[in-house]
Amino acid sequence: MKRFLEIGILQQRKIEAEIIKPIYEIMKREFGVEKAKSIIEEAVNTDAINVGRNYAKKELHNTNIESFVALQYLWEKDDALEVEVLDFNHEHYRYNVKRCRYAEMYNEIGLNEIGYLLSCNRDSRFIQGYAPHIKLSRSHTIMQGSKYCDFRYELQPKE
């Protein structure tokens, strides 16, 4: 049986960014910066929801905070994030990112102006597709100049 190497999200984002960069440059030239950003945002948001749904389909049971936390190794692989977990239980997962190699990578390849759209913005859309009963709130990101990212995933009360 052949085994496939599972790449981490950081490597995946770098590959995507190398493809998106020349497309984004042309879109800026043809449509302007704001329209180009809007197109990128819409496409990435739609993709993130679909990716979240695909991960949810692979779960043996219902999605929850614990199943989501079990996926975090993909985002952290290759020392992509330096994470400080503040609190974790079946109702919430709260942590801060103190170092983000995603932000460093986008800066290195010259896409820091849309790094937030390519990476950070995906987080709330991914969880929307993966587990709509869990919400992410975040007020700080390294990508947008803060010293840390504050991730706060909370189980929403049933209506």
N, C-alpha and C. Protein backbone atom coordinates (compact mmCIF):
# COMPACT_ATOMS: atom_id res chain seq x y z
N MET A 1 0.84 -1.18 0.00
CA MET A 1 0.00 0.00 0.00
C MET A 1 0.89 1.24 0.00
N LYS A 2 0.58 2.16 -0.86
CA LYS A 2 1.34 3.40 -0.98
C LYS A 2 0.84 4.42 0.03
N ARG A 3 1.75 5.06 0.74
CA ARG A 3 1.37 6.11 1.69
C ARG A 3 1.71 7.46 1.09
N PHE A 4 0.83 8.40 1.29
CA PHE A 4 1.05 9.75 0.79
C PHE A 4 1.48 10.64 1.95
N LEU A 5 2.41 11.50 1.66
CA LEU A 5 2.87 12.46 2.65
C LEU A 5 1.81 13.55 2.79
N GLU A 6 1.35 13.74 4.00
CA GLU A 6 0.35 14.77 4.25
C GLU A 6 1.09 16.08 4.51
N ILE A 7 0.89 17.04 3.64
CA ILE A 7 1.55 18.32 3.85
C ILE A 7 0.73 19.15 4.82
N GLY A 8 1.40 20.01 5.53
CA GLY A 8 0.72 20.90 6.45
C GLY A 8 0.08 22.06 5.71
N ILE A 9 -0.73 22.78 6.43
CA ILE A 9 -1.44 23.92 5.85
C ILE A 9 -0.46 25.01 5.42
N LEU A 10 0.62 25.22 6.16
CA LEU A 10 1.60 26.24 5.78
C LEU A 10 2.14 25.97 4.38
N GLN A 11 2.54 24.74 4.12
CA GLN A 11 3.06 24.39 2.79
C GLN A 11 1.98 24.56 1.72
N GLN A 12 0.77 24.16 2.06
CA GLN A 12 -0.35 24.31 1.13
C GLN A 12 -0.59 25.77 0.81
N ARG A 13 -0.58 26.63 1.84
CA ARG A 13 -0.80 28.08 1.62
C ARG A 13 0.32 28.68 0.77
N LYS A 14 1.56 28.21 0.95
CA LYS A 14 2.67 28.73 0.16
C LYS A 14 2.49 28.37 -1.31
N ILE A 15 2.10 27.15 -1.59
CA ILE A 15 1.85 26.72 -2.97
C ILE A 15 0.72 27.56 -3.58
N GLU A 16 -0.36 27.72 -2.83
CA GLU A 16 -1.49 28.53 -3.31
C GLU A 16 -1.06 29.97 -3.56
N ALA A 17 -0.27 30.53 -2.64
CA ALA A 17 0.15 31.92 -2.77
C ALA A 17 1.00 32.14 -4.01
N GLU A 18 1.86 31.20 -4.33
CA GLU A 18 2.70 31.32 -5.53
C GLU A 18 1.84 31.32 -6.80
N ILE A 19 0.73 30.62 -6.75
CA ILE A 19 -0.19 30.60 -7.91
C ILE A 19 -1.03 31.88 -7.94
N ILE A 20 -1.50 32.30 -6.76
CA ILE A 20 -2.37 33.46 -6.68
C ILE A 20 -1.65 34.77 -6.98
N LYS A 21 -0.38 34.87 -6.62
CA LYS A 21 0.35 36.14 -6.74
C LYS A 21 0.27 36.74 -8.15
N PRO A 22 0.62 36.02 -9.21
CA PRO A 22 0.54 36.65 -10.53
C PRO A 22 -0.90 36.95 -10.95
N ILE A 23 -1.83 36.13 -10.52
CA ILE A 23 -3.25 36.39 -10.83
C ILE A 23 -3.70 37.66 -10.13
N TYR A 24 -3.32 37.81 -8.87
CA TYR A 24 -3.68 39.00 -8.10
C TYR A 24 -3.08 40.26 -8.73
N GLU A 25 -1.84 40.18 -9.16
CA GLU A 25 -1.20 41.34 -9.80
C GLU A 25 -1.96 41.77 -11.06
N ILE A 26 -2.39 40.82 -11.86
CA ILE A 26 -3.17 41.13 -13.07
C ILE A 26 -4.53 41.70 -12.70
N MET A 27 -5.18 41.11 -11.70
CA MET A 27 -6.48 41.63 -11.27
C MET A 27 -6.36 43.06 -10.75
N LYS A 28 -5.29 43.37 -10.01
CA LYS A 28 -5.10 44.75 -9.55
C LYS A 28 -4.97 45.69 -10.73
N ARG A 29 -4.20 45.28 -11.72
CA ARG A 29 -3.99 46.12 -12.90
C ARG A 29 -5.31 46.32 -13.67
N GLU A 30 -6.06 45.25 -13.83
CA GLU A 30 -7.27 45.30 -14.65
C GLU A 30 -8.49 45.89 -13.92
N PHE A 31 -8.60 45.62 -12.60
CA PHE A 31 -9.82 45.99 -11.88
C PHE A 31 -9.60 46.96 -10.73
N GLY A 32 -8.35 47.18 -10.35
CA GLY A 32 -8.04 48.00 -9.19
C GLY A 32 -7.86 47.14 -7.95
N VAL A 33 -7.20 47.71 -6.95
CA VAL A 33 -6.84 46.97 -5.74
C VAL A 33 -8.08 46.47 -5.00
N GLU A 34 -9.05 47.35 -4.78
CA GLU A 34 -10.21 46.96 -3.97
C GLU A 34 -11.02 45.85 -4.63
N LYS A 35 -11.24 45.93 -5.92
CA LYS A 35 -11.99 44.88 -6.62
C LYS A 35 -11.19 43.58 -6.61
N ALA A 36 -9.88 43.66 -6.82
CA ALA A 36 -9.04 42.46 -6.79
C ALA A 36 -9.12 41.79 -5.42
N LYS A 37 -9.04 42.58 -4.35
CA LYS A 37 -9.14 42.04 -3.00
C LYS A 37 -10.51 41.41 -2.77
N SER A 38 -11.54 42.06 -3.26
CA SER A 38 -12.90 41.54 -3.09
C SER A 38 -13.07 40.18 -3.77
N ILE A 39 -12.51 40.04 -4.95
CA ILE A 39 -12.59 38.77 -5.69
C ILE A 39 -11.84 37.68 -4.93
N ILE A 40 -10.64 37.99 -4.47
CA ILE A 40 -9.85 37.04 -3.69
C ILE A 40 -10.62 36.63 -2.44
N GLU A 41 -11.16 37.60 -1.74
CA GLU A 41 -11.89 37.32 -0.50
C GLU A 41 -13.08 36.40 -0.75
N GLU A 42 -13.87 36.69 -1.77
CA GLU A 42 -15.03 35.85 -2.06
C GLU A 42 -14.61 34.42 -2.42
N ALA A 43 -13.62 34.29 -3.27
CA ALA A 43 -13.17 32.96 -3.69
C ALA A 43 -12.61 32.16 -2.51
N VAL A 44 -11.78 32.79 -1.69
CA VAL A 44 -11.16 32.09 -0.56
C VAL A 44 -12.21 31.74 0.49
N ASN A 45 -13.14 32.64 0.76
CA ASN A 45 -14.19 32.36 1.74
C ASN A 45 -15.04 31.15 1.31
N THR A 46 -15.43 31.13 0.07
CA THR A 46 -16.22 30.01 -0.45
C THR A 46 -15.45 28.71 -0.34
N ASP A 47 -14.18 28.76 -0.71
CA ASP A 47 -13.34 27.56 -0.63
C ASP A 47 -13.20 27.09 0.81
N ALA A 48 -12.98 28.00 1.74
CA ALA A 48 -12.78 27.64 3.14
C ALA A 48 -14.02 26.95 3.72
N ILE A 49 -15.20 27.43 3.38
CA ILE A 49 -16.43 26.78 3.84
C ILE A 49 -16.51 25.37 3.27
N ASN A 50 -16.21 25.22 2.00
CA ASN A 50 -16.26 23.90 1.37
C ASN A 50 -15.22 22.95 1.96
N VAL A 51 -14.03 23.45 2.23
CA VAL A 51 -13.00 22.61 2.86
C VAL A 51 -13.46 22.18 4.25
N GLY A 52 -14.04 23.08 5.00
CA GLY A 52 -14.57 22.74 6.33
C GLY A 52 -15.63 21.65 6.24
N ARG A 53 -16.52 21.77 5.29
CA ARG A 53 -17.56 20.74 5.09
C ARG A 53 -16.94 19.40 4.73
N ASN A 54 -15.92 19.41 3.90
CA ASN A 54 -15.26 18.16 3.51
C ASN A 54 -14.58 17.50 4.72
N TYR A 55 -13.95 18.29 5.57
CA TYR A 55 -13.36 17.72 6.79
C TYR A 55 -14.44 17.17 7.70
N ALA A 56 -15.57 17.86 7.79
CA ALA A 56 -16.67 17.39 8.64
C ALA A 56 -17.20 16.04 8.16
N LYS A 57 -17.25 15.84 6.85
CA LYS A 57 -17.73 14.57 6.31
C LYS A 57 -16.84 13.40 6.69
N LYS A 58 -15.58 13.66 6.98
CA LYS A 58 -14.63 12.61 7.34
C LYS A 58 -14.74 12.19 8.81
N GLU A 59 -15.45 12.97 9.62
CA GLU A 59 -15.59 12.67 11.04
C GLU A 59 -16.50 11.45 11.22
N LEU A 60 -16.10 10.56 12.11
CA LEU A 60 -16.92 9.37 12.40
C LEU A 60 -18.17 9.73 13.17
N HIS A 61 -18.06 10.75 14.01
CA HIS A 61 -19.19 11.21 14.82
C HIS A 61 -19.46 12.67 14.46
N ASN A 62 -20.30 13.31 15.21
CA ASN A 62 -20.57 14.72 14.96
C ASN A 62 -19.33 15.57 15.24
N THR A 63 -19.24 16.69 14.57
CA THR A 63 -18.14 17.61 14.83
C THR A 63 -18.37 18.31 16.17
N ASN A 64 -17.28 18.60 16.84
CA ASN A 64 -17.34 19.31 18.12
C ASN A 64 -15.99 19.99 18.37
N ILE A 65 -15.88 20.61 19.50
CA ILE A 65 -14.63 21.31 19.83
C ILE A 65 -13.46 20.32 19.82
N GLU A 66 -13.65 19.15 20.41
CA GLU A 66 -12.57 18.17 20.50
C GLU A 66 -12.11 17.69 19.12
N SER A 67 -13.07 17.43 18.23
CA SER A 67 -12.68 16.97 16.88
C SER A 67 -11.96 18.07 16.12
N PHE A 68 -12.37 19.32 16.36
CA PHE A 68 -11.70 20.45 15.73
C PHE A 68 -10.26 20.59 16.24
N VAL A 69 -10.09 20.49 17.55
CA VAL A 69 -8.75 20.59 18.15
C VAL A 69 -7.85 19.48 17.61
N ALA A 70 -8.41 18.32 17.37
CA ALA A 70 -7.62 17.19 16.85
C ALA A 70 -7.06 17.49 15.46
N LEU A 71 -7.64 18.44 14.74
CA LEU A 71 -7.16 18.81 13.40
C LEU A 71 -6.06 19.87 13.45
N GLN A 72 -5.84 20.48 14.59
CA GLN A 72 -4.93 21.62 14.68
C GLN A 72 -3.50 21.30 14.26
N TYR A 73 -3.11 20.04 14.35
CA TYR A 73 -1.75 19.68 13.95
C TYR A 73 -1.48 20.06 12.50
N LEU A 74 -2.51 20.08 11.66
CA LEU A 74 -2.31 20.45 10.25
C LEU A 74 -1.88 21.91 10.11
N TRP A 75 -2.46 22.80 10.92
CA TRP A 75 -2.11 24.22 10.87
C TRP A 75 -0.78 24.49 11.56
N GLU A 76 -0.43 23.64 12.53
CA GLU A 76 0.79 23.84 13.31
C GLU A 76 2.00 23.11 12.73
N LYS A 77 1.77 22.22 11.79
CA LYS A 77 2.85 21.42 11.21
C LYS A 77 3.95 22.33 10.66
N ASP A 78 5.19 21.83 10.68
CA ASP A 78 6.36 22.58 10.22
C ASP A 78 6.63 23.81 11.08
N ASP A 79 6.28 23.74 12.35
CA ASP A 79 6.46 24.86 13.28
C ASP A 79 5.83 26.15 12.75
N ALA A 80 4.66 25.98 12.13
CA ALA A 80 3.99 27.12 11.50
C ALA A 80 3.47 28.13 12.51
N LEU A 81 3.10 27.66 13.69
CA LEU A 81 2.54 28.54 14.71
C LEU A 81 3.17 28.26 16.06
N GLU A 82 3.41 29.32 16.81
CA GLU A 82 3.78 29.18 18.21
C GLU A 82 2.53 29.53 19.00
N VAL A 83 1.95 28.50 19.63
CA VAL A 83 0.63 28.62 20.25
C VAL A 83 0.74 28.54 21.77
N GLU A 84 -0.04 29.38 22.43
CA GLU A 84 -0.21 29.33 23.88
C GLU A 84 -1.68 29.05 24.15
N VAL A 85 -1.99 27.82 24.58
CA VAL A 85 -3.38 27.46 24.88
C VAL A 85 -3.74 28.06 26.23
N LEU A 86 -4.84 28.80 26.24
CA LEU A 86 -5.30 29.45 27.47
C LEU A 86 -6.34 28.61 28.19
N ASP A 87 -7.24 27.99 27.42
CA ASP A 87 -8.32 27.22 28.02
C ASP A 87 -8.93 26.32 26.96
N PHE A 88 -9.24 25.09 27.36
CA PHE A 88 -9.82 24.13 26.43
C PHE A 88 -10.71 23.17 27.20
N ASN A 89 -11.97 23.08 26.75
CA ASN A 89 -12.89 22.07 27.25
C ASN A 89 -13.93 21.82 26.17
N HIS A 90 -14.98 21.09 26.47
CA HIS A 90 -15.95 20.73 25.43
C HIS A 90 -16.80 21.92 24.96
N GLU A 91 -16.69 23.07 25.62
CA GLU A 91 -17.47 24.24 25.22
C GLU A 91 -16.65 25.33 24.54
N HIS A 92 -15.34 25.31 24.72
CA HIS A 92 -14.53 26.34 24.09
C HIS A 92 -13.06 25.91 23.96
N TYR A 93 -12.42 26.60 23.03
CA TYR A 93 -10.98 26.42 22.80
C TYR A 93 -10.43 27.82 22.60
N ARG A 94 -9.62 28.26 23.54
CA ARG A 94 -9.08 29.63 23.53
C ARG A 94 -7.56 29.56 23.55
N TYR A 95 -6.97 30.25 22.59
CA TYR A 95 -5.51 30.27 22.54
C TYR A 95 -5.02 31.52 21.85
N ASN A 96 -3.75 31.82 22.07
CA ASN A 96 -3.08 32.92 21.40
C ASN A 96 -1.96 32.35 20.54
N VAL A 97 -1.78 32.96 19.39
CA VAL A 97 -0.64 32.64 18.54
C VAL A 97 0.39 33.73 18.77
N LYS A 98 1.58 33.32 19.18
CA LYS A 98 2.64 34.28 19.49
C LYS A 98 3.63 34.44 18.34
N ARG A 99 3.70 33.46 17.45
CA ARG A 99 4.50 33.56 16.24
C ARG A 99 3.74 32.89 15.12
N CYS A 100 3.70 33.55 13.96
CA CYS A 100 2.93 33.05 12.82
C CYS A 100 3.82 33.02 11.58
N ARG A 101 4.20 31.83 11.18
CA ARG A 101 5.03 31.70 9.98
C ARG A 101 4.20 31.94 8.71
N TYR A 102 2.88 31.87 8.81
CA TYR A 102 2.05 32.22 7.66
C TYR A 102 2.27 33.69 7.32
N ALA A 103 2.19 34.54 8.33
CA ALA A 103 2.42 35.98 8.12
C ALA A 103 3.83 36.22 7.58
N GLU A 104 4.81 35.52 8.12
CA GLU A 104 6.19 35.67 7.65
C GLU A 104 6.30 35.24 6.18
N MET A 105 5.66 34.15 5.83
CA MET A 105 5.72 33.64 4.46
C MET A 105 5.07 34.62 3.47
N TYR A 106 3.89 35.13 3.80
CA TYR A 106 3.23 36.09 2.90
C TYR A 106 4.06 37.35 2.74
N ASN A 107 4.68 37.78 3.80
CA ASN A 107 5.56 38.95 3.73
C ASN A 107 6.76 38.66 2.83
N GLU A 108 7.37 37.50 2.97
CA GLU A 108 8.54 37.14 2.17
C GLU A 108 8.24 37.09 0.67
N ILE A 109 7.04 36.62 0.32
CA ILE A 109 6.73 36.50 -1.11
C ILE A 109 6.00 37.74 -1.65
N GLY A 110 5.82 38.75 -0.81
CA GLY A 110 5.24 40.01 -1.28
C GLY A 110 3.73 40.02 -1.35
N LEU A 111 3.07 39.21 -0.55
CA LEU A 111 1.60 39.20 -0.54
C LEU A 111 1.03 39.58 0.83
N ASN A 112 1.80 40.33 1.62
CA ASN A 112 1.31 40.70 2.94
C ASN A 112 0.04 41.55 2.88
N GLU A 113 -0.18 42.27 1.78
CA GLU A 113 -1.39 43.10 1.70
C GLU A 113 -2.66 42.27 1.58
N ILE A 114 -2.54 41.00 1.18
CA ILE A 114 -3.72 40.12 1.13
C ILE A 114 -3.52 38.85 1.95
N GLY A 115 -2.46 38.79 2.72
CA GLY A 115 -2.22 37.62 3.57
C GLY A 115 -3.41 37.33 4.48
N TYR A 116 -4.01 38.38 5.02
CA TYR A 116 -5.18 38.21 5.88
C TYR A 116 -6.32 37.51 5.13
N LEU A 117 -6.51 37.91 3.88
CA LEU A 117 -7.58 37.29 3.07
C LEU A 117 -7.26 35.84 2.72
N LEU A 118 -6.00 35.56 2.50
CA LEU A 118 -5.59 34.22 2.08
C LEU A 118 -5.52 33.24 3.24
N SER A 119 -5.33 33.72 4.44
CA SER A 119 -5.14 32.83 5.58
C SER A 119 -6.09 33.13 6.73
N CYS A 120 -5.90 34.25 7.39
CA CYS A 120 -6.67 34.57 8.60
C CYS A 120 -8.18 34.53 8.37
N ASN A 121 -8.61 35.12 7.30
CA ASN A 121 -10.04 35.19 7.01
C ASN A 121 -10.66 33.81 6.84
N ARG A 122 -9.85 32.86 6.44
CA ARG A 122 -10.34 31.49 6.23
C ARG A 122 -10.81 30.84 7.53
N ASP A 123 -10.20 31.22 8.65
CA ASP A 123 -10.45 30.53 9.91
C ASP A 123 -11.93 30.50 10.28
N SER A 124 -12.59 31.65 10.25
CA SER A 124 -14.01 31.68 10.62
C SER A 124 -14.87 30.99 9.57
N ARG A 125 -14.46 31.03 8.32
CA ARG A 125 -15.22 30.35 7.26
C ARG A 125 -15.04 28.83 7.34
N PHE A 126 -13.81 28.38 7.67
CA PHE A 126 -13.58 26.95 7.81
C PHE A 126 -14.48 26.39 8.91
N ILE A 127 -14.51 27.04 10.07
CA ILE A 127 -15.31 26.53 11.18
C ILE A 127 -16.80 26.61 10.84
N GLN A 128 -17.19 27.58 10.05
CA GLN A 128 -18.58 27.69 9.59
C GLN A 128 -18.97 26.44 8.79
N GLY A 129 -18.09 25.98 7.94
CA GLY A 129 -18.36 24.78 7.16
C GLY A 129 -18.18 23.51 7.96
N TYR A 130 -17.20 23.49 8.86
CA TYR A 130 -16.88 22.30 9.62
C TYR A 130 -17.88 22.06 10.76
N ALA A 131 -18.17 23.08 11.51
CA ALA A 131 -19.04 22.96 12.68
C ALA A 131 -19.77 24.28 12.89
N PRO A 132 -20.90 24.47 12.21
CA PRO A 132 -21.61 25.75 12.29
C PRO A 132 -22.05 26.13 13.70
N HIS A 133 -22.07 25.17 14.61
CA HIS A 133 -22.46 25.43 16.00
C HIS A 133 -21.29 25.94 16.85
N ILE A 134 -20.13 26.13 16.22
CA ILE A 134 -18.96 26.70 16.89
C ILE A 134 -18.64 28.02 16.19
N LYS A 135 -18.40 29.04 16.95
CA LYS A 135 -18.08 30.36 16.39
C LYS A 135 -16.68 30.79 16.82
N LEU A 136 -16.02 31.48 15.93
CA LEU A 136 -14.70 32.04 16.21
C LEU A 136 -14.83 33.54 16.38
N SER A 137 -14.25 34.05 17.43
CA SER A 137 -14.08 35.50 17.55
C SER A 137 -12.59 35.76 17.70
N ARG A 138 -12.16 36.82 17.07
CA ARG A 138 -10.73 37.18 17.10
C ARG A 138 -10.64 38.68 16.84
N SER A 139 -9.91 39.37 17.70
CA SER A 139 -9.78 40.82 17.54
C SER A 139 -8.37 41.25 17.18
N HIS A 140 -7.42 40.32 17.23
CA HIS A 140 -6.03 40.65 16.92
C HIS A 140 -5.44 39.59 15.99
N THR A 141 -4.64 40.04 15.01
CA THR A 141 -3.87 39.10 14.20
C THR A 141 -2.47 39.68 13.96
N ILE A 142 -1.52 38.79 13.96
CA ILE A 142 -0.15 39.18 13.63
C ILE A 142 -0.09 39.69 12.20
N MET A 143 -0.87 39.06 11.33
CA MET A 143 -0.89 39.42 9.91
C MET A 143 -1.27 40.89 9.72
N GLN A 144 -2.09 41.41 10.62
CA GLN A 144 -2.53 42.79 10.51
C GLN A 144 -1.79 43.72 11.48
N GLY A 145 -0.64 43.25 11.98
CA GLY A 145 0.22 44.12 12.75
C GLY A 145 0.19 43.96 14.26
N SER A 146 -0.66 43.11 14.80
CA SER A 146 -0.68 42.90 16.25
C SER A 146 0.49 42.02 16.68
N LYS A 147 0.76 42.00 17.95
CA LYS A 147 1.85 41.18 18.48
C LYS A 147 1.44 39.71 18.62
N TYR A 148 0.13 39.44 18.57
CA TYR A 148 -0.37 38.07 18.71
C TYR A 148 -1.74 37.97 18.03
N CYS A 149 -2.18 36.74 17.85
CA CYS A 149 -3.54 36.46 17.36
C CYS A 149 -4.32 35.84 18.51
N ASP A 150 -5.53 36.31 18.73
CA ASP A 150 -6.34 35.77 19.82
C ASP A 150 -7.50 34.96 19.23
N PHE A 151 -7.37 33.66 19.28
CA PHE A 151 -8.40 32.74 18.78
C PHE A 151 -9.31 32.36 19.93
N ARG A 152 -10.62 32.54 19.73
CA ARG A 152 -11.61 32.19 20.74
C ARG A 152 -12.74 31.42 20.05
N TYR A 153 -12.66 30.11 20.11
CA TYR A 153 -13.70 29.25 19.55
C TYR A 153 -14.67 28.91 20.67
N GLU A 154 -15.95 29.14 20.42
CA GLU A 154 -16.99 28.94 21.45
C GLU A 154 -18.14 28.14 20.88
N LEU A 155 -18.58 27.14 21.62
CA LEU A 155 -19.77 26.37 21.29
C LEU A 155 -20.96 27.29 21.48
N GLN A 156 -21.83 27.37 20.48
CA GLN A 156 -22.99 28.25 20.56
C GLN A 156 -24.17 27.49 21.19
N PRO A 157 -24.96 28.19 21.98
CA PRO A 157 -26.12 27.54 22.60
C PRO A 157 -27.11 27.10 21.53
N LYS A 158 -27.75 25.96 21.77
CA LYS A 158 -28.77 25.48 20.82
C LYS A 158 -29.99 26.35 20.92
N GLU A 159 -30.58 26.65 19.77
CA GLU A 159 -31.77 27.52 19.76
C GLU A 159 -33.02 26.70 19.91
